[in-house]
C-alpha cells in the first residue's frame, strides 16, 4: 500500500466548486402562496354553494399555493443551503433570510460557522523513537459547501481523521526535546510546530472545501512508561546547565578578587597561596551547601 502525501492531496483538482444561487424573493412568494391557498378555499366554498365548477379551480389554486410554499427556504446566519435538482447540483444559497427556490429541489443545510475539533490523546513515537502522548485543537470552517457535500462522504469525519493523521506525522517528524542549537522540537518550538501543523492539516482537508484557521497542540507529554526516566534526564540537564553558569560566575569573581588584591597591595601571595585561595573561594562559591569557616590563628603558612 502506498502512502498519500499532503502534496498529492493538495494537487488533486476537485470536479465541483461552489456557485451562488440567489433565489427568488421569499416574502413575495409567501404572500402569493397564502393568497392562492386562501383564494382556493374561497372558490371551493362558493363552488359548493352554487354547484359550480369553481370547486376544481379552487382545488387547483390550493395545489399551486402549496407547491409554491414548498419552495420557501429560510437561511439562518452562519448557514448555507446546498440545492440539488434531480441529483444535479444547481447552486448554494448563502443569503440569510427567507428566499424561494424551485420547490422540486432538495436543500441540504451546511453550517459555515467556525468550529473546533479536539483530537484524541494519541500515543506515537517522536523522531528519536521515544513514545509520547500528543493531541491538538484544530479551528476550521467550511468555505466551499459544494465540495464539503459532494467531494467527501462526511466532511466532519474527514476533518477529524485528517487532523489526527497530520498530528501523528508531525510527531514522527520532530524530537520531543532539541539536542542541538537551532534544532526544532515539539516542546521548545511551539510556534514553528503549530504553523507546520496548520499547513499540513490545511492541505489535507482542502479537497473537502475546508480551511484551517488555527491549530495548537493541546497535550504533549512523554508516555507514562518512560516519563520518570525522561524527567530524570531533564533534571540532570538542568543541573548541569546551572552548575556551568555557577562555575563561570565563580571563576570571574575569583579572578576579580585576585586582581584587586594585587592592584591595592593588600597582601603579597606566592603562587602556592594563590592556588589555595582560589581553591577555597571556588569551594565557597560553587558548593550547594553553606560552608563552615575555619579561622587560622597562626601564620599564613601554618
C-alpha atoms as a PDB file:
ATOM      1  CA  UNK A   1       0.000   0.000   0.000  1.00  0.00           C
ATOM      2  CA  UNK A   2       1.411   3.404  -0.938  1.00  0.00           C
ATOM      3  CA  UNK A   3       1.072   6.428   1.332  1.00  0.00           C
ATOM      4  CA  UNK A   4      -0.650   9.536   0.042  1.00  0.00           C
ATOM      5  CA  UNK A   5       1.405  12.621   0.746  1.00  0.00           C
ATOM      6  CA  UNK A   6      -0.092  16.050   1.513  1.00  0.00           C
ATOM      7  CA  UNK A   7       1.275  17.268  -1.812  1.00  0.00           C
ATOM      8  CA  UNK A   8      -0.749  14.602  -3.577  1.00  0.00           C
ATOM      9  CA  UNK A   9      -3.878  15.651  -1.720  1.00  0.00           C
ATOM     10  CA  UNK A  10      -3.306  19.296  -2.472  1.00  0.00           C
ATOM     11  CA  UNK A  11      -2.669  18.571  -6.126  1.00  0.00           C
ATOM     12  CA  UNK A  12      -5.996  16.880  -6.760  1.00  0.00           C
ATOM     13  CA  UNK A  13      -8.354  19.069  -8.719  1.00  0.00           C
ATOM     14  CA  UNK A  14     -11.896  18.979  -7.489  1.00  0.00           C
ATOM     15  CA  UNK A  15     -14.574  18.135 -10.030  1.00  0.00           C
ATOM     16  CA  UNK A  16     -17.085  20.544  -8.459  1.00  0.00           C
ATOM     17  CA  UNK A  17     -16.976  24.006  -6.965  1.00  0.00           C
ATOM     18  CA  UNK A  18     -19.495  26.156  -5.151  1.00  0.00           C
ATOM     19  CA  UNK A  19     -21.573  28.627  -7.118  1.00  0.00           C
ATOM     20  CA  UNK A  20     -24.010  31.041  -5.549  1.00  0.00           C
ATOM     21  CA  UNK A  21     -27.740  30.759  -6.117  1.00  0.00           C
ATOM     22  CA  UNK A  22     -29.653  33.977  -5.450  1.00  0.00           C
ATOM     23  CA  UNK A  23     -33.145  32.508  -5.350  1.00  0.00           C
ATOM     24  CA  UNK A  24     -36.412  34.419  -5.568  1.00  0.00           C
ATOM     25  CA  UNK A  25     -37.999  36.796  -3.109  1.00  0.00           C
ATOM     26  CA  UNK A  26     -39.206  34.736  -0.173  1.00  0.00           C
ATOM     27  CA  UNK A  27     -41.694  37.239   1.310  1.00  0.00           C
ATOM     28  CA  UNK A  28     -43.261  37.867  -2.093  1.00  0.00           C
ATOM     29  CA  UNK A  29     -43.725  34.157  -2.815  1.00  0.00           C
ATOM     30  CA  UNK A  30     -45.070  33.660   0.706  1.00  0.00           C
ATOM     31  CA  UNK A  31     -47.785  36.236   0.022  1.00  0.00           C
ATOM     32  CA  UNK A  32     -48.604  34.626  -3.318  1.00  0.00           C
ATOM     33  CA  UNK A  33     -48.861  31.202  -1.691  1.00  0.00           C
ATOM     34  CA  UNK A  34     -51.143  32.452   1.069  1.00  0.00           C
ATOM     35  CA  UNK A  35     -53.350  34.280  -1.451  1.00  0.00           C
ATOM     36  CA  UNK A  36     -53.518  31.180  -3.655  1.00  0.00           C
ATOM     37  CA  UNK A  37     -54.458  28.863  -0.796  1.00  0.00           C
ATOM     38  CA  UNK A  38     -56.965  31.323   0.703  1.00  0.00           C
ATOM     39  CA  UNK A  39     -58.459  32.044  -2.737  1.00  0.00           C
ATOM     40  CA  UNK A  40     -58.697  28.347  -3.495  1.00  0.00           C
ATOM     41  CA  UNK A  41     -60.570  27.738  -0.251  1.00  0.00           C
ATOM     42  CA  UNK A  42     -62.947  30.587  -1.067  1.00  0.00           C
ATOM     43  CA  UNK A  43     -63.562  29.243  -4.570  1.00  0.00           C
ATOM     44  CA  UNK A  44     -64.296  25.771  -3.181  1.00  0.00           C
ATOM     45  CA  UNK A  45     -66.832  27.221  -0.739  1.00  0.00           C
ATOM     46  CA  UNK A  46     -68.512  29.330  -3.428  1.00  0.00           C
ATOM     47  CA  UNK A  47     -68.498  26.443  -5.886  1.00  0.00           C
ATOM     48  CA  UNK A  48     -70.010  24.096  -3.333  1.00  0.00           C
ATOM     49  CA  UNK A  49     -72.846  26.548  -2.636  1.00  0.00           C
ATOM     50  CA  UNK A  50     -73.587  27.352  -6.270  1.00  0.00           C
ATOM     51  CA  UNK A  51     -72.877  23.827  -7.519  1.00  0.00           C
ATOM     52  CA  UNK A  52     -70.406  25.369  -9.950  1.00  0.00           C
ATOM     53  CA  UNK A  53     -67.154  24.077 -11.401  1.00  0.00           C
ATOM     54  CA  UNK A  54     -65.319  26.667  -9.336  1.00  0.00           C
ATOM     55  CA  UNK A  55     -64.546  23.804  -6.926  1.00  0.00           C
ATOM     56  CA  UNK A  56     -61.966  22.399  -9.309  1.00  0.00           C
ATOM     57  CA  UNK A  57     -60.469  25.815  -9.860  1.00  0.00           C
ATOM     58  CA  UNK A  58     -60.198  26.248  -6.111  1.00  0.00           C
ATOM     59  CA  UNK A  59     -58.544  22.866  -5.706  1.00  0.00           C
ATOM     60  CA  UNK A  60     -56.046  23.792  -8.439  1.00  0.00           C
ATOM     61  CA  UNK A  61     -55.343  27.131  -6.715  1.00  0.00           C
ATOM     62  CA  UNK A  62     -54.693  25.383  -3.403  1.00  0.00           C
ATOM     63  CA  UNK A  63     -52.336  22.859  -5.025  1.00  0.00           C
ATOM     64  CA  UNK A  64     -50.415  25.659  -6.738  1.00  0.00           C
ATOM     65  CA  UNK A  65     -50.201  27.614  -3.475  1.00  0.00           C
ATOM     66  CA  UNK A  66     -48.905  24.568  -1.579  1.00  0.00           C
ATOM     67  CA  UNK A  67     -46.332  23.809  -4.280  1.00  0.00           C
ATOM     68  CA  UNK A  68     -45.114  27.409  -4.260  1.00  0.00           C
ATOM     69  CA  UNK A  69     -44.896  27.343  -0.457  1.00  0.00           C
ATOM     70  CA  UNK A  70     -42.729  24.229  -0.655  1.00  0.00           C
ATOM     71  CA  UNK A  71     -40.065  26.321  -2.355  1.00  0.00           C
ATOM     72  CA  UNK A  72     -39.736  28.718   0.591  1.00  0.00           C
ATOM     73  CA  UNK A  73     -36.345  28.324   2.283  1.00  0.00           C
ATOM     74  CA  UNK A  74     -35.182  30.063   5.444  1.00  0.00           C
ATOM     75  CA  UNK A  75     -31.403  30.553   5.782  1.00  0.00           C
ATOM     76  CA  UNK A  76     -30.001  31.469   9.199  1.00  0.00           C
ATOM     77  CA  UNK A  77     -26.760  33.427   9.743  1.00  0.00           C
ATOM     78  CA  UNK A  78     -23.784  31.073   9.591  1.00  0.00           C
ATOM     79  CA  UNK A  79     -25.734  28.589   7.494  1.00  0.00           C
ATOM     80  CA  UNK A  80     -25.972  27.783   3.778  1.00  0.00           C
ATOM     81  CA  UNK A  81     -28.294  25.606   1.719  1.00  0.00           C
ATOM     82  CA  UNK A  82     -26.904  23.330  -0.995  1.00  0.00           C
ATOM     83  CA  UNK A  83     -29.601  22.971  -3.672  1.00  0.00           C
ATOM     84  CA  UNK A  84     -29.989  19.914  -5.944  1.00  0.00           C
ATOM     85  CA  UNK A  85     -32.478  19.317  -8.730  1.00  0.00           C
ATOM     86  CA  UNK A  86     -32.931  15.670  -9.698  1.00  0.00           C
ATOM     87  CA  UNK A  87     -29.470  14.863  -8.378  1.00  0.00           C
ATOM     88  CA  UNK A  88     -27.760  17.759 -10.161  1.00  0.00           C
ATOM     89  CA  UNK A  89     -26.088  20.500  -8.149  1.00  0.00           C
ATOM     90  CA  UNK A  90     -27.707  23.834  -9.016  1.00  0.00           C
ATOM     91  CA  UNK A  91     -26.084  26.185  -6.514  1.00  0.00           C
ATOM     92  CA  UNK A  92     -25.718  27.270  -2.894  1.00  0.00           C
ATOM     93  CA  UNK A  93     -27.933  29.791  -1.131  1.00  0.00           C
ATOM     94  CA  UNK A  94     -25.895  31.872   1.321  1.00  0.00           C
ATOM     95  CA  UNK A  95     -28.163  34.925   1.578  1.00  0.00           C
ATOM     96  CA  UNK A  96     -29.735  34.976   5.017  1.00  0.00           C
ATOM     97  CA  UNK A  97     -33.446  35.334   5.471  1.00  0.00           C
ATOM     98  CA  UNK A  98     -36.396  33.887   3.590  1.00  0.00           C
ATOM     99  CA  UNK A  99     -35.867  33.106  -0.082  1.00  0.00           C
ATOM    100  CA  UNK A 100     -37.599  30.973  -2.685  1.00  0.00           C
ATOM    101  CA  UNK A 101     -36.102  28.261  -4.876  1.00  0.00           C
ATOM    102  CA  UNK A 102     -37.518  25.635  -7.173  1.00  0.00           C
ATOM    103  CA  UNK A 103     -39.936  23.631  -4.995  1.00  0.00           C
ATOM    104  CA  UNK A 104     -38.882  20.374  -6.646  1.00  0.00           C
ATOM    105  CA  UNK A 105     -35.286  20.707  -5.449  1.00  0.00           C
ATOM    106  CA  UNK A 106     -33.729  19.198  -2.361  1.00  0.00           C
ATOM    107  CA  UNK A 107     -31.945  21.574   0.003  1.00  0.00           C
ATOM    108  CA  UNK A 108     -29.205  20.391   2.342  1.00  0.00           C
ATOM    109  CA  UNK A 109     -28.197  22.592   5.257  1.00  0.00           C
ATOM    110  CA  UNK A 110     -24.464  23.140   5.774  1.00  0.00           C
ATOM    111  CA  UNK A 111     -23.003  25.172   8.637  1.00  0.00           C
ATOM    112  CA  UNK A 112     -20.370  27.737   7.666  1.00  0.00           C
ATOM    113  CA  UNK A 113     -19.608  28.711  11.261  1.00  0.00           C
ATOM    114  CA  UNK A 114     -16.152  28.383  12.787  1.00  0.00           C
ATOM    115  CA  UNK A 115     -15.725  25.032  14.525  1.00  0.00           C
ATOM    116  CA  UNK A 116     -13.288  23.427  16.943  1.00  0.00           C
ATOM    117  CA  UNK A 117     -12.044  19.879  16.731  1.00  0.00           C
ATOM    118  CA  UNK A 118     -10.138  18.288  19.590  1.00  0.00           C
ATOM    119  CA  UNK A 119      -8.125  15.257  18.558  1.00  0.00           C
ATOM    120  CA  UNK A 120      -7.844  12.312  20.887  1.00  0.00           C
ATOM    121  CA  UNK A 121      -4.713  11.938  23.014  1.00  0.00           C
ATOM    122  CA  UNK A 122      -2.628   9.631  20.845  1.00  0.00           C
ATOM    123  CA  UNK A 123       0.487   7.657  21.730  1.00  0.00           C
ATOM    124  CA  UNK A 124       3.098   7.897  18.962  1.00  0.00           C
ATOM    125  CA  UNK A 125       6.886   7.801  18.599  1.00  0.00           C
ATOM    126  CA  UNK A 126       8.774  11.038  18.068  1.00  0.00           C
ATOM    127  CA  UNK A 127      11.716  11.398  15.678  1.00  0.00           C
ATOM    128  CA  UNK A 128      14.040   9.812  18.277  1.00  0.00           C
ATOM    129  CA  UNK A 129      11.759   6.814  18.712  1.00  0.00           C
ATOM    130  CA  UNK A 130      10.577   7.835  22.183  1.00  0.00           C
ATOM    131  CA  UNK A 131       6.887   7.122  22.904  1.00  0.00           C
ATOM    132  CA  UNK A 132       4.972  10.339  23.564  1.00  0.00           C
ATOM    133  CA  UNK A 133       1.365  11.405  24.031  1.00  0.00           C
ATOM    134  CA  UNK A 134       0.094  14.215  21.825  1.00  0.00           C
ATOM    135  CA  UNK A 135      -3.195  15.924  20.991  1.00  0.00           C
ATOM    136  CA  UNK A 136      -4.202  19.093  19.169  1.00  0.00           C
ATOM    137  CA  UNK A 137      -7.066  21.550  18.761  1.00  0.00           C
ATOM    138  CA  UNK A 138      -7.967  22.484  15.191  1.00  0.00           C
ATOM    139  CA  UNK A 139     -10.077  25.550  14.360  1.00  0.00           C
ATOM    140  CA  UNK A 140     -11.721  25.218  10.945  1.00  0.00           C
ATOM    141  CA  UNK A 141     -14.669  26.208   8.816  1.00  0.00           C
ATOM    142  CA  UNK A 142     -16.353  25.240   5.539  1.00  0.00           C
ATOM    143  CA  UNK A 143     -15.572  27.653   2.704  1.00  0.00           C
ATOM    144  CA  UNK A 144     -16.851  25.610  -0.255  1.00  0.00           C
ATOM    145  CA  UNK A 145     -20.176  23.967   0.541  1.00  0.00           C
ATOM    146  CA  UNK A 146     -20.307  22.056  -2.739  1.00  0.00           C
ATOM    147  CA  UNK A 147     -17.011  20.305  -2.089  1.00  0.00           C
ATOM    148  CA  UNK A 148     -17.973  19.658   1.537  1.00  0.00           C
ATOM    149  CA  UNK A 149     -21.186  17.907   0.467  1.00  0.00           C
ATOM    150  CA  UNK A 150     -20.193  16.146  -2.747  1.00  0.00           C
ATOM    151  CA  UNK A 151     -16.429  15.526  -2.625  1.00  0.00           C
ATOM    152  CA  UNK A 152     -16.324  13.531   0.639  1.00  0.00           C
ATOM    153  CA  UNK A 153     -18.768  11.238   2.352  1.00  0.00           C
ATOM    154  CA  UNK A 154     -18.838  13.167   5.658  1.00  0.00           C
ATOM    155  CA  UNK A 155     -16.725  16.313   5.837  1.00  0.00           C
ATOM    156  CA  UNK A 156     -16.774  16.394   9.662  1.00  0.00           C
ATOM    157  CA  UNK A 157     -15.402  12.868   9.912  1.00  0.00           C
ATOM    158  CA  UNK A 158     -12.958  13.656   7.102  1.00  0.00           C
ATOM    159  CA  UNK A 159     -11.558  16.638   9.021  1.00  0.00           C
ATOM    160  CA  UNK A 160     -11.258  14.571  12.206  1.00  0.00           C
ATOM    161  CA  UNK A 161      -9.332  11.750  10.508  1.00  0.00           C
ATOM    162  CA  UNK A 162      -7.045  14.051   8.532  1.00  0.00           C
ATOM    163  CA  UNK A 163      -6.278  16.149  11.618  1.00  0.00           C
ATOM    164  CA  UNK A 164      -5.278  13.047  13.572  1.00  0.00           C
ATOM    165  CA  UNK A 165      -3.137  11.853  10.660  1.00  0.00           C
ATOM    166  CA  UNK A 166      -1.362  15.205  10.454  1.00  0.00           C
ATOM    167  CA  UNK A 167      -0.721  15.256  14.218  1.00  0.00           C
ATOM    168  CA  UNK A 168       0.832  11.788  14.005  1.00  0.00           C
ATOM    169  CA  UNK A 169       3.017  12.823  11.067  1.00  0.00           C
ATOM    170  CA  UNK A 170       4.249  15.962  12.834  1.00  0.00           C
ATOM    171  CA  UNK A 171       5.005  13.970  15.992  1.00  0.00           C
ATOM    172  CA  UNK A 172       7.018  11.420  13.978  1.00  0.00           C
ATOM    173  CA  UNK A 173       8.981  14.173  12.214  1.00  0.00           C
ATOM    174  CA  UNK A 174      10.421  16.052  15.203  1.00  0.00           C
ATOM    175  CA  UNK A 175      12.010  15.067  18.527  1.00  0.00           C
ATOM    176  CA  UNK A 176      10.333  15.865  21.806  1.00  0.00           C
ATOM    177  CA  UNK A 177      13.423  17.763  23.044  1.00  0.00           C
ATOM    178  CA  UNK A 178      16.019  19.584  20.949  1.00  0.00           C
ATOM    179  CA  UNK A 179      19.534  18.098  21.020  1.00  0.00           C
ATOM    180  CA  UNK A 180      21.384  20.941  19.352  1.00  0.00           C
ATOM    181  CA  UNK A 181      21.403  24.654  18.702  1.00  0.00           C
ATOM    182  CA  UNK A 182      18.635  25.710  16.314  1.00  0.00           C
ATOM    183  CA  UNK A 183      17.000  22.268  16.099  1.00  0.00           C
ATOM    184  CA  UNK A 184      13.203  22.243  16.054  1.00  0.00           C
ATOM    185  CA  UNK A 185      11.499  20.207  18.769  1.00  0.00           C
ATOM    186  CA  UNK A 186       7.918  19.601  19.804  1.00  0.00           C
ATOM    187  CA  UNK A 187       8.419  21.063  23.278  1.00  0.00           C
ATOM    188  CA  UNK A 188      10.645  24.064  22.576  1.00  0.00           C
ATOM    189  CA  UNK A 189       9.437  25.216  19.114  1.00  0.00           C
ATOM    190  CA  UNK A 190       5.713  25.649  19.686  1.00  0.00           C
ATOM    191  CA  UNK A 191       5.173  28.426  17.140  1.00  0.00           C
ATOM    192  CA  UNK A 192       7.059  26.703  14.319  1.00  0.00           C
ATOM    193  CA  UNK A 193       5.496  23.304  15.014  1.00  0.00           C
ATOM    194  CA  UNK A 194       1.923  24.631  15.169  1.00  0.00           C
ATOM    195  CA  UNK A 195       2.488  26.581  11.968  1.00  0.00           C
ATOM    196  CA  UNK A 196       3.652  23.442  10.184  1.00  0.00           C
ATOM    197  CA  UNK A 197       0.742  21.504  11.687  1.00  0.00           C
ATOM    198  CA  UNK A 198      -1.769  24.076  10.415  1.00  0.00           C
ATOM    199  CA  UNK A 199      -0.232  23.984   6.940  1.00  0.00           C
ATOM    200  CA  UNK A 200      -0.333  20.195   6.761  1.00  0.00           C
ATOM    201  CA  UNK A 201      -3.899  19.887   8.027  1.00  0.00           C
ATOM    202  CA  UNK A 202      -4.961  22.665   5.634  1.00  0.00           C
ATOM    203  CA  UNK A 203      -3.530  20.788   2.661  1.00  0.00           C
ATOM    204  CA  UNK A 204      -5.141  17.531   3.735  1.00  0.00           C
ATOM    205  CA  UNK A 205      -8.664  18.933   4.211  1.00  0.00           C
ATOM    206  CA  UNK A 206      -8.636  21.237   1.190  1.00  0.00           C
ATOM    207  CA  UNK A 207     -10.410  18.701  -1.097  1.00  0.00           C
ATOM    208  CA  UNK A 208     -13.386  18.834   1.301  1.00  0.00           C
ATOM    209  CA  UNK A 209     -13.808  22.589   0.889  1.00  0.00           C
ATOM    210  CA  UNK A 210     -12.491  23.244   4.406  1.00  0.00           C
ATOM    211  CA  UNK A 211      -9.945  25.809   5.536  1.00  0.00           C
ATOM    212  CA  UNK A 212      -7.929  25.639   8.757  1.00  0.00           C
ATOM    213  CA  UNK A 213      -7.867  28.882  10.715  1.00  0.00           C
ATOM    214  CA  UNK A 214      -5.552  27.764  13.502  1.00  0.00           C
ATOM    215  CA  UNK A 215      -4.232  24.660  15.202  1.00  0.00           C
ATOM    216  CA  UNK A 216      -2.482  24.244  18.548  1.00  0.00           C
ATOM    217  CA  UNK A 217      -1.005  21.365  20.487  1.00  0.00           C
ATOM    218  CA  UNK A 218      -3.268  20.870  23.492  1.00  0.00           C
ATOM    219  CA  UNK A 219      -1.412  17.950  25.079  1.00  0.00           C
ATOM    220  CA  UNK A 220       2.241  16.939  24.878  1.00  0.00           C
ATOM    221  CA  UNK A 221       3.974  14.578  27.277  1.00  0.00           C
ATOM    222  CA  UNK A 222       6.180  11.529  27.403  1.00  0.00           C
ATOM    223  CA  UNK A 223       4.346   8.222  27.621  1.00  0.00           C
ATOM    224  CA  UNK A 224       3.942   7.003  31.229  1.00  0.00           C
ATOM    225  CA  UNK A 225       6.374   4.119  30.782  1.00  0.00           C
ATOM    226  CA  UNK A 226       9.318   6.457  30.136  1.00  0.00           C
ATOM    227  CA  UNK A 227       8.106   9.636  31.831  1.00  0.00           C
ATOM    228  CA  UNK A 228      10.156   9.128  35.015  1.00  0.00           C
ATOM    229  CA  UNK A 229      13.358   8.327  33.123  1.00  0.00           C
ATOM    230  CA  UNK A 230      12.935  11.351  30.853  1.00  0.00           C
ATOM    231  CA  UNK A 231      12.170  13.561  33.852  1.00  0.00           C
ATOM    232  CA  UNK A 232      15.429  12.492  35.485  1.00  0.00           C
ATOM    233  CA  UNK A 233      17.284  13.246  32.256  1.00  0.00           C
ATOM    234  CA  UNK A 234      15.727  16.705  32.051  1.00  0.00           C
ATOM    235  CA  UNK A 235      16.587  17.353  35.692  1.00  0.00           C
ATOM    236  CA  UNK A 236      20.165  16.225  35.096  1.00  0.00           C
ATOM    237  CA  UNK A 237      20.471  18.509  32.086  1.00  0.00           C
ATOM    238  CA  UNK A 238      19.097  21.425  34.106  1.00  0.00           C
ATOM    239  CA  UNK A 239      21.529  20.740  36.955  1.00  0.00           C
ATOM    240  CA  UNK A 240      24.490  20.572  34.581  1.00  0.00           C
ATOM    241  CA  UNK A 241      23.462  23.845  32.927  1.00  0.00           C
ATOM    242  CA  UNK A 242      23.018  25.537  36.305  1.00  0.00           C
ATOM    243  CA  UNK A 243      26.403  24.264  37.534  1.00  0.00           C
ATOM    244  CA  UNK A 244      28.080  25.542  34.378  1.00  0.00           C
ATOM    245  CA  UNK A 245      26.625  29.013  34.999  1.00  0.00           C
ATOM    246  CA  UNK A 246      27.694  28.935  38.652  1.00  0.00           C
ATOM    247  CA  UNK A 247      31.259  27.871  37.820  1.00  0.00           C
ATOM    248  CA  UNK A 248      31.568  30.533  35.136  1.00  0.00           C
ATOM    249  CA  UNK A 249      30.448  33.211  37.592  1.00  0.00           C
ATOM    250  CA  UNK A 250      32.674  31.883  40.366  1.00  0.00           C
ATOM    251  CA  UNK A 251      35.774  31.926  38.163  1.00  0.00           C
ATOM    252  CA  UNK A 252      35.057  35.551  37.288  1.00  0.00           C
ATOM    253  CA  UNK A 253      34.632  36.504  40.938  1.00  0.00           C
ATOM    254  CA  UNK A 254      37.900  34.762  41.935  1.00  0.00           C
ATOM    255  CA  UNK A 255      39.742  36.484  39.111  1.00  0.00           C
ATOM    256  CA  UNK A 256      38.366  39.850  40.170  1.00  0.00           C
ATOM    257  CA  UNK A 257      39.334  39.232  43.809  1.00  0.00           C
ATOM    258  CA  UNK A 258      42.940  38.302  42.934  1.00  0.00           C
ATOM    259  CA  UNK A 259      43.321  41.297  40.617  1.00  0.00           C
ATOM    260  CA  UNK A 260      42.049  43.756  43.229  1.00  0.00           C
ATOM    261  CA  UNK A 261      44.260  42.282  45.948  1.00  0.00           C
ATOM    262  CA  UNK A 262      47.241  42.644  43.638  1.00  0.00           C
ATOM    263  CA  UNK A 263      46.378  46.184  42.484  1.00  0.00           C
ATOM    264  CA  UNK A 264      45.840  47.518  46.017  1.00  0.00           C
ATOM    265  CA  UNK A 265      48.846  45.671  47.528  1.00  0.00           C
ATOM    266  CA  UNK A 266      46.669  44.288  50.296  1.00  0.00           C
ATOM    267  CA  UNK A 267      48.711  41.110  50.599  1.00  0.00           C
ATOM    268  CA  UNK A 268      51.586  39.586  48.658  1.00  0.00           C
ATOM    269  CA  UNK A 269      50.746  35.979  47.793  1.00  0.00           C
ATOM    270  CA  UNK A 270      53.010  33.473  46.162  1.00  0.00           C
ATOM    271  CA  UNK A 271      51.701  31.024  43.607  1.00  0.00           C
ATOM    272  CA  UNK A 272      51.045  28.311  46.187  1.00  0.00           C
ATOM    273  CA  UNK A 273      48.987  30.690  48.400  1.00  0.00           C
ATOM    274  CA  UNK A 274      47.093  31.932  45.354  1.00  0.00           C
ATOM    275  CA  UNK A 275      46.203  28.350  44.427  1.00  0.00           C
ATOM    276  CA  UNK A 276      44.992  27.726  47.971  1.00  0.00           C
ATOM    277  CA  UNK A 277      42.913  30.906  47.918  1.00  0.00           C
ATOM    278  CA  UNK A 278      41.408  30.018  44.549  1.00  0.00           C
ATOM    279  CA  UNK A 279      40.531  26.543  45.820  1.00  0.00           C
ATOM    280  CA  UNK A 280      38.858  27.916  48.946  1.00  0.00           C
ATOM    281  CA  UNK A 281      36.880  30.554  47.046  1.00  0.00           C
ATOM    282  CA  UNK A 282      35.657  28.035  44.478  1.00  0.00           C
ATOM    283  CA  UNK A 283      34.529  25.695  47.249  1.00  0.00           C
ATOM    284  CA  UNK A 284      32.585  28.528  48.879  1.00  0.00           C
ATOM    285  CA  UNK A 285      31.051  29.851  45.658  1.00  0.00           C
ATOM    286  CA  UNK A 286      30.298  26.560  43.923  1.00  0.00           C
ATOM    287  CA  UNK A 287      29.164  24.467  46.852  1.00  0.00           C
ATOM    288  CA  UNK A 288      25.454  23.689  47.171  1.00  0.00           C
ATOM    289  CA  UNK A 289      25.621  23.884  50.973  1.00  0.00           C
ATOM    290  CA  UNK A 290      26.718  26.572  53.404  1.00  0.00           C
ATOM    291  CA  UNK A 291      30.381  26.178  54.297  1.00  0.00           C
ATOM    292  CA  UNK A 292      31.782  26.232  57.844  1.00  0.00           C
ATOM    293  CA  UNK A 293      34.540  28.842  58.133  1.00  0.00           C
ATOM    294  CA  UNK A 294      37.817  27.887  59.786  1.00  0.00           C
ATOM    295  CA  UNK A 295      39.725  30.741  61.432  1.00  0.00           C
ATOM    296  CA  UNK A 296      43.520  30.460  61.116  1.00  0.00           C
ATOM    297  CA  UNK A 297      45.077  31.732  64.378  1.00  0.00           C
ATOM    298  CA  UNK A 298      48.608  31.076  63.272  1.00  0.00           C
ATOM    299  CA  UNK A 299      50.588  32.423  60.362  1.00  0.00           C
ATOM    300  CA  UNK A 300      49.507  32.239  56.744  1.00  0.00           C
ATOM    301  CA  UNK A 301      51.817  29.257  56.188  1.00  0.00           C
ATOM    302  CA  UNK A 302      50.632  27.142  59.133  1.00  0.00           C
END
